[in-house]
């Protein structure tokens, strides 16, 4: 009886739940894309508007600037001897591409940094109705449409 009680006590004492959250940079504002004009906006104007990029990639005579934000949410449940955990990470990402004259040629963006959820591994976090529900609360996002691109029509 003492052995069974000790095992039950150990399981109760060693049981725990964990919630974690990790954020990188500030969320990107989808409304800023209305101020970027391929064929017209310069790199100086873009950095004045958006701040310093996370990364600058040299593409020979051209360049690309990356702006990004990520948010991760995780949950875990520990019940000796089992551990169940899940981490859901989503990102806002904006790539700006400039020609040799440092004029914006095109851009591509994904705005999903608001979508991570606390969940267990067996929950489906990518259901369309759920994504649209989260999108409706973020300004500048059309529910269900998180990828946006712009092109000057040139090469």
Protein backbone atom coordinates (compact mmCIF):
# COMPACT_ATOMS: atom_id res chain seq x y z
CA UNK A 1 0.00 0.00 0.00
CA UNK A 2 2.85 2.36 0.85
CA UNK A 3 4.50 1.67 -2.53
CA UNK A 4 1.27 2.50 -4.42
CA UNK A 5 0.77 5.66 -2.39
CA UNK A 6 4.35 6.73 -3.04
CA UNK A 7 3.90 6.20 -6.78
CA UNK A 8 0.65 8.16 -6.81
CA UNK A 9 2.25 10.95 -4.77
CA UNK A 10 5.28 11.08 -7.13
CA UNK A 11 3.03 11.27 -10.20
CA UNK A 12 1.03 14.13 -8.71
CA UNK A 13 4.11 16.04 -7.54
CA UNK A 14 6.03 15.51 -10.79
CA UNK A 15 3.12 16.51 -13.02
CA UNK A 16 3.34 19.95 -14.56
CA UNK A 17 2.05 22.17 -17.34
CA UNK A 18 4.22 24.58 -19.27
CA UNK A 19 3.29 27.57 -21.39
CA UNK A 20 5.98 29.45 -23.33
CA UNK A 21 5.92 32.47 -25.61
CA UNK A 22 8.78 33.90 -27.69
CA UNK A 23 8.68 37.02 -29.83
CA UNK A 24 11.28 38.41 -32.25
CA UNK A 25 11.09 42.03 -33.41
CA UNK A 26 7.96 44.13 -33.75
CA UNK A 27 4.99 42.93 -35.86
CA UNK A 28 4.98 44.36 -39.38
CA UNK A 29 2.19 46.72 -40.41
CA UNK A 30 0.45 45.44 -43.57
CA UNK A 31 -0.78 48.99 -44.23
CA UNK A 32 2.77 50.11 -44.95
CA UNK A 33 2.65 48.28 -48.30
CA UNK A 34 0.38 50.99 -49.66
CA UNK A 35 3.33 53.37 -49.29
CA UNK A 36 5.75 51.17 -51.26
CA UNK A 37 5.67 51.74 -55.01
CA UNK A 38 7.74 49.45 -57.25
CA UNK A 39 9.62 51.50 -59.83
CA UNK A 40 9.48 54.59 -57.62
CA UNK A 41 10.32 53.96 -53.93
CA UNK A 42 14.04 54.13 -53.13
CA UNK A 43 15.94 52.08 -50.55
CA UNK A 44 16.40 55.24 -48.47
CA UNK A 45 12.65 55.90 -48.48
CA UNK A 46 11.94 52.26 -47.56
CA UNK A 47 14.34 52.31 -44.60
CA UNK A 48 12.95 55.66 -43.46
CA UNK A 49 9.47 54.11 -43.52
CA UNK A 50 10.31 50.68 -42.08
CA UNK A 51 13.52 51.20 -40.13
CA UNK A 52 16.60 49.04 -40.36
CA UNK A 53 16.09 45.68 -42.09
CA UNK A 54 16.82 42.43 -40.27
CA UNK A 55 19.01 41.35 -43.16
CA UNK A 56 20.46 42.88 -46.34
CA UNK A 57 21.37 40.47 -49.13
CA UNK A 58 23.80 41.53 -51.86
CA UNK A 59 22.61 40.24 -55.25
CA UNK A 60 25.48 41.49 -57.40
CA UNK A 61 24.39 44.97 -58.51
CA UNK A 62 20.99 44.49 -56.89
CA UNK A 63 19.99 43.97 -53.25
CA UNK A 64 17.21 42.56 -51.11
CA UNK A 65 16.10 43.73 -47.68
CA UNK A 66 14.36 41.44 -45.22
CA UNK A 67 12.01 42.67 -42.51
CA UNK A 68 10.65 40.01 -40.21
CA UNK A 69 8.79 39.35 -36.99
CA UNK A 70 8.04 35.97 -35.45
CA UNK A 71 5.90 34.81 -32.57
CA UNK A 72 5.96 31.33 -31.06
CA UNK A 73 3.60 29.86 -28.52
CA UNK A 74 4.13 26.51 -26.89
CA UNK A 75 2.45 24.22 -24.43
CA UNK A 76 3.65 21.18 -22.61
CA UNK A 77 2.30 18.66 -20.19
CA UNK A 78 4.57 16.46 -18.14
CA UNK A 79 3.24 13.32 -16.51
CA UNK A 80 6.06 11.00 -15.58
CA UNK A 81 7.04 9.12 -17.74
CA UNK A 82 5.27 10.98 -20.59
CA UNK A 83 5.96 14.41 -22.04
CA UNK A 84 3.58 15.97 -24.52
CA UNK A 85 4.59 19.30 -26.09
CA UNK A 86 3.76 21.54 -29.03
CA UNK A 87 5.23 24.78 -30.38
CA UNK A 88 3.42 26.85 -33.00
CA UNK A 89 5.60 29.50 -34.70
CA UNK A 90 4.34 31.99 -37.28
CA UNK A 91 6.02 34.95 -38.96
CA UNK A 92 5.51 38.27 -40.65
CA UNK A 93 8.04 38.53 -43.46
CA UNK A 94 8.61 41.31 -45.99
CA UNK A 95 11.23 41.11 -48.73
CA UNK A 96 12.04 44.26 -50.71
CA UNK A 97 14.08 43.92 -53.92
CA UNK A 98 16.07 46.87 -55.28
CA UNK A 99 17.84 47.36 -58.61
CA UNK A 100 21.35 48.76 -59.15
CA UNK A 101 19.98 52.32 -58.67
CA UNK A 102 18.45 51.30 -55.31
CA UNK A 103 14.88 51.64 -56.66
CA UNK A 104 12.30 49.10 -55.52
CA UNK A 105 11.56 46.55 -58.27
CA UNK A 106 9.18 44.25 -56.38
CA UNK A 107 8.31 42.89 -52.97
CA UNK A 108 6.77 39.85 -51.34
CA UNK A 109 5.13 39.66 -47.94
CA UNK A 110 3.55 37.14 -45.61
CA UNK A 111 1.64 38.33 -42.56
CA UNK A 112 0.99 35.42 -40.20
CA UNK A 113 2.73 36.58 -37.01
CA UNK A 114 -0.64 36.97 -35.28
CA UNK A 115 -1.66 33.33 -35.86
CA UNK A 116 0.29 31.15 -33.38
CA UNK A 117 -1.81 29.37 -30.80
CA UNK A 118 -1.30 27.49 -27.58
CA UNK A 119 -2.27 23.91 -28.45
CA UNK A 120 -1.53 20.26 -27.90
CA UNK A 121 0.08 18.25 -30.72
CA UNK A 122 -3.14 16.50 -31.68
CA UNK A 123 -4.99 19.78 -32.36
CA UNK A 124 -5.16 20.96 -36.00
CA UNK A 125 -3.97 24.57 -36.03
CA UNK A 126 -4.26 25.15 -39.77
CA UNK A 127 -8.00 25.06 -40.36
CA UNK A 128 -9.13 27.74 -42.80
CA UNK A 129 -12.07 28.95 -40.69
CA UNK A 130 -9.78 29.34 -37.67
CA UNK A 131 -7.19 31.31 -39.67
CA UNK A 132 -9.86 33.67 -41.03
CA UNK A 133 -11.18 34.22 -37.51
CA UNK A 134 -7.73 35.35 -36.34
CA UNK A 135 -7.16 37.47 -39.46
CA UNK A 136 -10.28 39.57 -38.93
CA UNK A 137 -8.77 41.16 -35.81
CA UNK A 138 -5.54 42.28 -37.51
CA UNK A 139 -5.75 45.62 -39.34
CA UNK A 140 -4.67 45.56 -42.97
CA UNK A 141 -5.26 41.82 -43.47
CA UNK A 142 -7.97 40.39 -45.69
CA UNK A 143 -9.18 37.27 -43.83
CA UNK A 144 -7.59 34.20 -45.37
CA UNK A 145 -5.13 36.23 -47.50
CA UNK A 146 -1.78 36.66 -45.79
CA UNK A 147 0.54 36.65 -48.83
CA UNK A 148 0.94 39.86 -50.79
CA UNK A 149 3.21 40.77 -53.68
CA UNK A 150 3.96 43.85 -55.73
CA UNK A 151 5.80 44.21 -59.02
CA UNK A 152 6.78 47.15 -61.20
CA UNK A 153 6.02 45.10 -64.28
CA UNK A 154 9.68 45.14 -65.26
CA UNK A 155 12.31 42.42 -65.03
